[in-house]
Protein backbone atom coordinates (compact mmCIF):
# COMPACT_ATOMS: atom_id res chain seq x y z
CA UNK A 1 52.52 21.41 9.69
CA UNK A 2 51.87 18.93 6.41
CA UNK A 3 49.24 17.93 8.89
CA UNK A 4 47.54 20.17 9.56
CA UNK A 5 47.04 20.83 6.05
CA UNK A 6 46.01 17.39 5.46
CA UNK A 7 43.42 17.16 7.94
CA UNK A 8 41.99 20.91 6.55
CA UNK A 9 41.58 19.56 3.47
CA UNK A 10 39.80 16.13 4.96
CA UNK A 11 37.22 18.63 6.33
CA UNK A 12 36.92 20.57 3.55
CA UNK A 13 36.01 17.44 1.60
CA UNK A 14 34.20 16.39 4.24
CA UNK A 15 31.64 19.45 3.95
CA UNK A 16 31.50 19.51 0.64
CA UNK A 17 30.52 15.86 0.71
CA UNK A 18 27.52 17.22 3.14
CA UNK A 19 26.52 20.03 0.93
CA UNK A 20 25.74 17.99 -1.61
CA UNK A 21 23.51 15.81 -0.06
CA UNK A 22 21.88 18.27 2.39
CA UNK A 23 20.69 21.37 -0.30
CA UNK A 24 19.15 18.86 -2.88
CA UNK A 25 17.41 17.69 -0.16
CA UNK A 26 15.96 20.82 0.44
CA UNK A 27 14.94 20.80 -2.93
CA UNK A 28 13.91 17.24 -2.57
CA UNK A 29 10.37 17.91 -0.81
CA UNK A 30 7.54 15.94 -0.75
CA UNK A 31 5.89 18.39 -2.82
CA UNK A 32 7.93 18.73 -5.58
CA UNK A 33 8.54 14.74 -6.19
CA UNK A 34 4.69 14.75 -6.40
CA UNK A 35 4.83 18.59 -8.91
CA UNK A 36 7.25 16.28 -11.20
CA UNK A 37 6.36 13.20 -10.86
CA UNK A 38 9.39 12.09 -9.28
CA UNK A 39 7.49 9.91 -6.61
CA UNK A 40 7.34 6.13 -8.18
CA UNK A 41 9.38 3.05 -6.53
CA UNK A 42 9.15 2.61 -2.77
CA UNK A 43 9.46 6.13 -1.33
CA UNK A 44 6.67 6.93 -3.24
CA UNK A 45 4.55 7.00 -0.74
CA UNK A 46 5.75 9.17 1.60
CA UNK A 47 6.11 12.44 -0.99
CA UNK A 48 2.22 11.61 -2.01
CA UNK A 49 0.61 10.92 1.54
CA UNK A 50 2.32 14.00 2.71
CA UNK A 51 0.76 16.28 -0.38
CA UNK A 52 -3.07 15.24 0.46
CA UNK A 53 -4.60 18.16 1.74
CA UNK A 54 -4.33 18.24 5.60
CA UNK A 55 -6.94 16.23 7.83
CA UNK A 56 -8.35 15.38 4.87
CA UNK A 57 -7.84 11.27 4.56
CA UNK A 58 -10.69 9.22 7.03
CA UNK A 59 -9.37 5.50 6.15
CA UNK A 60 -5.59 4.68 5.46
CA UNK A 61 -5.19 1.16 3.64
CA UNK A 62 -2.05 -0.36 4.71
CA UNK A 63 0.73 -3.03 4.41
CA UNK A 64 2.45 -4.03 1.07
CA UNK A 65 1.64 -4.59 -2.29
CA UNK A 66 -1.16 -6.47 -1.81
CA UNK A 67 -2.99 -3.84 -0.15
CA UNK A 68 -2.83 -0.96 -2.64
CA UNK A 69 -4.12 -3.72 -5.07
CA UNK A 70 -7.38 -5.35 -2.97
CA UNK A 71 -8.87 -1.66 -2.15
CA UNK A 72 -10.44 0.71 -4.56
CA UNK A 73 -10.35 4.39 -2.80
CA UNK A 74 -11.95 5.64 -5.15
CA UNK A 75 -14.54 3.43 -5.62
CA UNK A 76 -15.19 3.74 -1.83
CA UNK A 77 -15.93 7.82 -2.85
CA UNK A 78 -18.47 7.02 -5.11
CA UNK A 79 -20.35 4.64 -3.20
CA UNK A 80 -20.04 6.08 -0.01
CA UNK A 81 -18.27 9.40 -0.01
CA UNK A 82 -15.46 7.63 2.17
CA UNK A 83 -11.91 9.59 2.34
CA UNK A 84 -9.59 6.78 1.88
CA UNK A 85 -5.59 6.65 0.60
CA UNK A 86 -3.79 3.28 -0.21
CA UNK A 87 -0.57 3.58 1.89
CA UNK A 88 1.26 0.43 1.39
CA UNK A 89 4.46 0.55 -0.10
CA UNK A 90 5.77 -2.46 -2.15
CA UNK A 91 7.67 -5.11 -0.24
CA UNK A 92 6.93 -3.22 2.84
CA UNK A 93 7.49 -5.10 6.59
CA UNK A 94 5.66 -3.43 9.10
CA UNK A 95 8.68 -1.59 9.80
CA UNK A 96 8.20 0.10 6.56
CA UNK A 97 4.73 0.52 7.66
CA UNK A 98 5.10 2.22 11.07
CA UNK A 99 7.21 4.55 9.19
CA UNK A 100 4.95 5.19 6.98
CA UNK A 101 2.01 6.29 9.43
CA UNK A 102 4.33 8.13 11.47
CA UNK A 103 4.80 10.09 8.10
CA UNK A 104 1.09 10.02 7.45
CA UNK A 105 -0.07 11.10 10.60
CA UNK A 106 2.13 14.29 10.14
CA UNK A 107 -0.93 15.84 8.29
CA UNK A 108 -3.90 13.04 8.83
CA UNK A 109 -5.82 12.39 11.62
CA UNK A 110 -7.43 8.73 10.18
CA UNK A 111 -10.23 7.13 11.90
CA UNK A 112 -10.04 3.77 10.37
CA UNK A 113 -6.45 1.69 9.45
CA UNK A 114 -7.09 -1.61 7.60
CA UNK A 115 -3.69 -3.23 7.74
CA UNK A 116 -3.73 -5.89 5.57
CA UNK A 117 -1.51 -8.98 6.88
CA UNK A 118 0.87 -10.40 4.53
CA UNK A 119 3.82 -8.43 6.11
CA UNK A 120 3.76 -10.10 9.01
CA UNK A 121 4.86 -12.84 7.10
CA UNK A 122 7.70 -11.14 5.57
CA UNK A 123 11.13 -12.72 6.87
CA UNK A 124 13.39 -10.47 8.67
CA UNK A 125 15.72 -12.59 9.98
CA UNK A 126 16.94 -10.30 12.95
CA UNK A 127 18.44 -8.02 10.49
CA UNK A 128 16.88 -4.96 10.22
CA UNK A 129 15.56 -4.04 14.03
CA UNK A 130 13.88 -1.01 15.86
CA UNK A 131 16.31 0.40 16.36
CA UNK A 132 17.90 0.46 12.96
CA UNK A 133 14.56 1.43 11.59
CA UNK A 134 14.30 4.60 14.06
CA UNK A 135 17.98 5.16 12.49
CA UNK A 136 17.48 5.41 9.10
CA UNK A 137 14.43 7.01 9.56
CA UNK A 138 16.04 9.81 11.62
CA UNK A 139 18.66 9.96 8.21
CA UNK A 140 16.24 10.09 5.99
CA UNK A 141 14.34 13.15 8.18
CA UNK A 142 17.70 15.00 8.16
CA UNK A 143 18.41 14.14 4.51
CA UNK A 144 15.49 13.60 2.12
CA UNK A 145 18.03 13.30 -0.73
CA UNK A 146 18.48 9.43 1.05
CA UNK A 147 14.97 8.98 0.53
CA UNK A 148 14.46 10.49 -3.11
CA UNK A 149 18.07 9.52 -4.40
CA UNK A 150 16.20 7.31 -6.98
CA UNK A 151 13.75 10.37 -8.44
CA UNK A 152 16.08 11.07 -10.89
CA UNK A 153 14.90 8.15 -12.91
CA UNK A 154 11.17 9.36 -13.00
CA UNK A 155 12.52 11.90 -15.36
CA UNK A 156 11.72 9.70 -17.90
CA UNK A 157 8.88 9.52 -19.64
CA UNK A 158 8.70 5.60 -19.43
CA UNK A 159 8.38 5.78 -15.83
CA UNK A 160 5.51 7.54 -15.24
CA UNK A 161 1.94 6.41 -14.55
CA UNK A 162 -1.16 7.61 -12.56
CA UNK A 163 -1.99 7.00 -9.08
CA UNK A 164 -6.20 7.11 -7.90
CA UNK A 165 -5.18 8.00 -4.03
CA UNK A 166 -2.55 5.07 -3.95
CA UNK A 167 -4.02 2.26 -5.61
CA UNK A 168 -2.80 0.04 -8.38
CA UNK A 169 -5.40 -0.35 -10.99
CA UNK A 170 -4.51 -3.15 -13.59
CA UNK A 171 -6.21 -4.95 -16.24
CA UNK A 172 -3.55 -7.86 -16.85
CA UNK A 173 -4.83 -11.34 -16.32
CA UNK A 174 -3.07 -14.29 -15.47
CA UNK A 175 -4.63 -16.88 -14.22
CA UNK A 176 -4.72 -18.88 -11.12
CA UNK A 177 -4.43 -22.58 -11.69
CA UNK A 178 -4.13 -24.57 -8.36
CA UNK A 179 -7.55 -26.07 -6.26
CA UNK A 180 -9.61 -23.06 -5.74
CA UNK A 181 -9.77 -25.31 -2.15
CA UNK A 182 -6.54 -23.77 -1.67
CA UNK A 183 -7.45 -22.42 2.32
CA UNK A 184 -7.86 -26.41 3.17
CA UNK A 185 -5.13 -27.60 1.91
CA UNK A 186 -2.74 -29.18 4.39
CA UNK A 187 0.25 -26.44 5.48
CA UNK A 188 3.06 -26.54 6.97
CA UNK A 189 2.75 -24.06 10.89
CA UNK A 190 3.98 -20.43 10.36
CA UNK A 191 5.69 -18.57 12.43
CA UNK A 192 5.60 -14.72 12.63
CA UNK A 193 9.36 -13.19 13.64
CA UNK A 194 9.54 -11.11 17.12
CA UNK A 195 10.44 -7.59 15.07
CA UNK A 196 6.39 -8.17 13.09
CA UNK A 197 5.42 -8.67 16.17
CA UNK A 198 6.88 -5.71 17.81
CA UNK A 199 6.20 -3.64 14.99
CA UNK A 200 2.69 -4.38 15.11
CA UNK A 201 2.52 -4.06 19.42
CA UNK A 202 3.41 -0.46 18.17
CA UNK A 203 1.33 0.34 15.55
CA UNK A 204 -1.60 -0.73 17.80
CA UNK A 205 -0.61 1.56 20.75
CA UNK A 206 -0.11 4.53 18.08
CA UNK A 207 -3.63 3.90 17.00
CA UNK A 208 -4.99 4.02 20.39
CA UNK A 209 -3.27 6.58 21.57
CA UNK A 210 -4.88 8.55 18.16
CA UNK A 211 -8.32 7.38 18.63
CA UNK A 212 -7.70 5.31 15.30
CA UNK A 213 -10.09 2.16 14.60
CA UNK A 214 -7.00 -0.83 13.90
CA UNK A 215 -8.62 -3.13 11.77
CA UNK A 216 -6.48 -6.63 10.00
CA UNK A 217 -7.72 -7.94 6.89
CA UNK A 218 -6.13 -10.30 4.30
CA UNK A 219 -6.27 -9.86 0.42
CA UNK A 220 -7.77 -12.43 -1.28
CA UNK A 221 -4.55 -14.51 -2.82
CA UNK A 222 -3.95 -18.40 -3.10
CA UNK A 223 -0.28 -17.77 -3.04
CA UNK A 224 0.22 -16.06 0.13
CA UNK A 225 -2.63 -17.33 2.05
CA UNK A 226 -3.43 -20.58 3.79
CA UNK A 227 -6.20 -22.49 6.44
CA UNK A 228 -2.26 -22.85 9.05
CA UNK A 229 -2.42 -18.91 8.05
CA UNK A 230 -5.74 -17.98 8.95
CA UNK A 231 -5.68 -19.82 12.24
CA UNK A 232 -2.26 -17.80 13.20
CA UNK A 233 -3.76 -14.96 12.81
CA UNK A 234 -7.62 -15.74 14.14
CA UNK A 235 -5.46 -16.32 17.40
CA UNK A 236 -3.04 -13.41 17.18
CA UNK A 237 -6.04 -10.89 16.37
CA UNK A 238 -7.93 -12.54 19.78
CA UNK A 239 -5.13 -12.13 21.30
CA UNK A 240 -4.51 -8.47 20.89
CA UNK A 241 -8.15 -8.24 21.02
CA UNK A 242 -7.88 -6.81 17.55
CA UNK A 243 -10.74 -7.21 14.67
CA UNK A 244 -9.60 -9.81 12.01
CA UNK A 245 -11.13 -10.35 8.31
CA UNK A 246 -9.49 -13.04 6.22
CA UNK A 247 -11.56 -12.60 2.64
CA UNK A 248 -9.60 -15.95 0.86
CA UNK A 249 -12.63 -17.23 3.59
CA UNK A 250 -14.82 -15.19 1.61
CA UNK A 251 -14.18 -15.60 -1.91
CA UNK A 252 -17.22 -17.78 -3.05
CA UNK A 253 -19.31 -14.45 -1.15
CA UNK A 254 -17.00 -12.69 -2.54
CA UNK A 255 -17.50 -14.10 -6.19
CA UNK A 256 -13.86 -14.47 -6.71
CA UNK A 257 -13.50 -15.81 -10.46
CA UNK A 258 -9.21 -16.82 -9.79
CA UNK A 259 -9.49 -17.17 -13.87
CA UNK A 260 -10.21 -13.45 -14.51
CA UNK A 261 -9.77 -11.95 -11.09
CA UNK A 262 -5.58 -12.14 -11.00
CA UNK A 263 -3.04 -10.00 -12.19
CA UNK A 264 -0.25 -12.70 -11.25
CA UNK A 265 -1.27 -16.25 -10.89
CA UNK A 266 -2.78 -15.82 -7.51
CA UNK A 267 -0.14 -13.15 -5.97
CA UNK A 268 -2.27 -10.30 -6.17
CA UNK A 269 -6.22 -9.15 -7.71
CA UNK A 270 -6.49 -7.41 -10.73
CA UNK A 271 -8.84 -4.34 -10.62
CA UNK A 272 -12.03 -7.10 -11.39
CA UNK A 273 -10.73 -9.42 -8.22
CA UNK A 274 -9.78 -5.41 -6.62
CA UNK A 275 -13.24 -4.37 -7.15
CA UNK A 276 -15.22 -7.27 -4.93
CA UNK A 277 -13.19 -7.06 -2.04
CA UNK A 278 -13.69 -3.08 -2.15
CA UNK A 279 -17.89 -4.00 -2.84
CA UNK A 280 -16.96 -5.90 0.89
CA UNK A 281 -15.38 -3.04 2.66
CA UNK A 282 -18.26 -0.55 0.84
CA UNK A 283 -21.13 -2.50 3.12
CA UNK A 284 -18.34 -3.75 6.29
CA UNK A 285 -16.93 -0.13 6.37
CA UNK A 286 -20.56 1.27 6.89
CA UNK A 287 -21.91 -1.09 9.35
CA UNK A 288 -18.33 -0.87 11.83
CA UNK A 289 -17.22 2.21 11.66
CA UNK A 290 -18.51 5.70 12.25
CA UNK A 291 -17.32 7.18 8.89
CA UNK A 292 -18.35 10.87 7.43
CA UNK A 293 -20.43 10.95 4.39
CA UNK A 294 -17.93 13.88 2.35
CA UNK A 295 -20.00 13.56 -0.74
CA UNK A 296 -21.71 17.16 0.55
CA UNK A 297 -19.45 18.41 1.21
CA UNK A 298 -18.42 20.75 -1.85
CA UNK A 299 -15.14 21.75 -0.93
CA UNK A 300 -13.79 17.98 -0.55
CA UNK A 301 -16.20 16.76 -3.09
CA UNK A 302 -15.17 18.82 -5.73
CA UNK A 303 -11.22 17.26 -5.56
CA UNK A 304 -12.50 13.98 -5.24
CA UNK A 305 -15.02 14.09 -7.98
CA UNK A 306 -12.35 15.15 -10.58
CA UNK A 307 -9.96 12.60 -9.68
CA UNK A 308 -12.87 10.22 -9.70
CA UNK A 309 -14.12 10.90 -13.38
CA UNK A 310 -10.04 10.28 -14.41
CA UNK A 311 -9.97 6.86 -12.37
CA UNK A 312 -13.71 5.85 -13.50
CA UNK A 313 -12.44 6.09 -17.42
CA UNK A 314 -9.26 3.81 -17.09
CA UNK A 315 -11.57 1.53 -14.67
CA UNK A 316 -13.81 1.02 -17.72
CA UNK A 317 -11.33 1.07 -20.22
CA UNK A 318 -9.37 -2.10 -18.14
CA UNK A 319 -12.63 -4.17 -17.63
CA UNK A 320 -14.05 -3.67 -20.81
CA UNK A 321 -10.89 -5.60 -21.80
CA UNK A 322 -11.00 -7.96 -19.30
CA UNK A 323 -14.75 -8.92 -20.44
CA UNK A 324 -13.65 -8.68 -24.30
CA UNK A 325 -10.99 -11.53 -23.51
CA UNK A 326 -13.31 -13.62 -21.16
CA UNK A 327 -16.19 -13.87 -23.51
CA UNK A 328 -13.75 -14.39 -26.59
CA UNK A 329 -11.25 -16.78 -24.57
CA UNK A 330 -10.87 -20.23 -23.30
CA UNK A 331 -10.08 -19.28 -19.43
CA UNK A 332 -7.04 -21.77 -19.52
CA UNK A 333 -5.30 -19.80 -21.53
CA UNK A 334 -7.17 -15.84 -20.52
CA UNK A 335 -4.26 -13.36 -20.88
CA UNK A 336 -4.81 -10.08 -21.06
CA UNK A 337 -1.74 -8.08 -22.43
CA UNK A 338 -1.47 -3.95 -21.81
CA UNK A 339 0.86 -1.64 -19.96
CA UNK A 340 -1.12 -1.29 -16.60
CA UNK A 341 -1.20 2.28 -14.63
CA UNK A 342 1.98 1.15 -12.78
CA UNK A 343 3.76 -1.49 -11.50
CA UNK A 344 4.49 -4.21 -8.88
CA UNK A 345 7.52 -4.09 -7.12
CA UNK A 346 7.86 -7.42 -4.77
């Protein structure tokens, strides 16, 4: 008798615990998270991309933080009328990117994916495999509270920040002081983990099945790229029959100045550097991808123009501070101290 009562208590406890996890998940929908500015941190991208109007995004920029700091969607909208979303995730490996893509494809039909390549070199040491990733994603889908369990922290005002179609806009300047010729330095060979290769092949298959043009690119970053990685990625892209653009080989063409165009000593670009790489993609996408210009679509344009006006004001403010410091301060001591509209979490 006592044993049955004990079992009933255990079952009751498990049932209550499940309800405590499951019921909040019904509330924590992507729409709720976005409406109340709870979408911050690694999982913010899931709620943000899910809340974009269905079939409104033609280009996804994906990868880790190198992706959402190197291409400005609002600038591409203004110049080309392209609807672009920076769907990168802090510290993402390619397994993470696969999960983000899966969520994005539930509501979007992108024509192009720009996949930043730094995630390929994130060592996973076999600890995170596809089965584990798939299981985690199933749990997230069944119990949304697990994905958004840190969302409560965002009720505090200091955690809120603006996002312009996923782009992280920064006016910080911390110069890279190494050699401008970093791509010609001798480097140790790089090996891409098998898990990352498998994930890349899976992403390529998804793109093929959905008629999406997959393009690999490497953002300018002396901290993360070298000639060795260029050779590795060039061979890989050729083998997988994918286009590959290494912007580290085009820094002079882009006009990158490492004294003013990086926020953290050559790891990520600030807004000054991102505008230069975005200008490259304005031409590249126009030449190589058959993308529609939505500026004459009044329904789409009204929403994107509104966001662009907000973005443009922030861009101008940050660029003016960078330019002021560039003109008034010796380049080797140039540091712009200001609060950014977001943080990079790696």
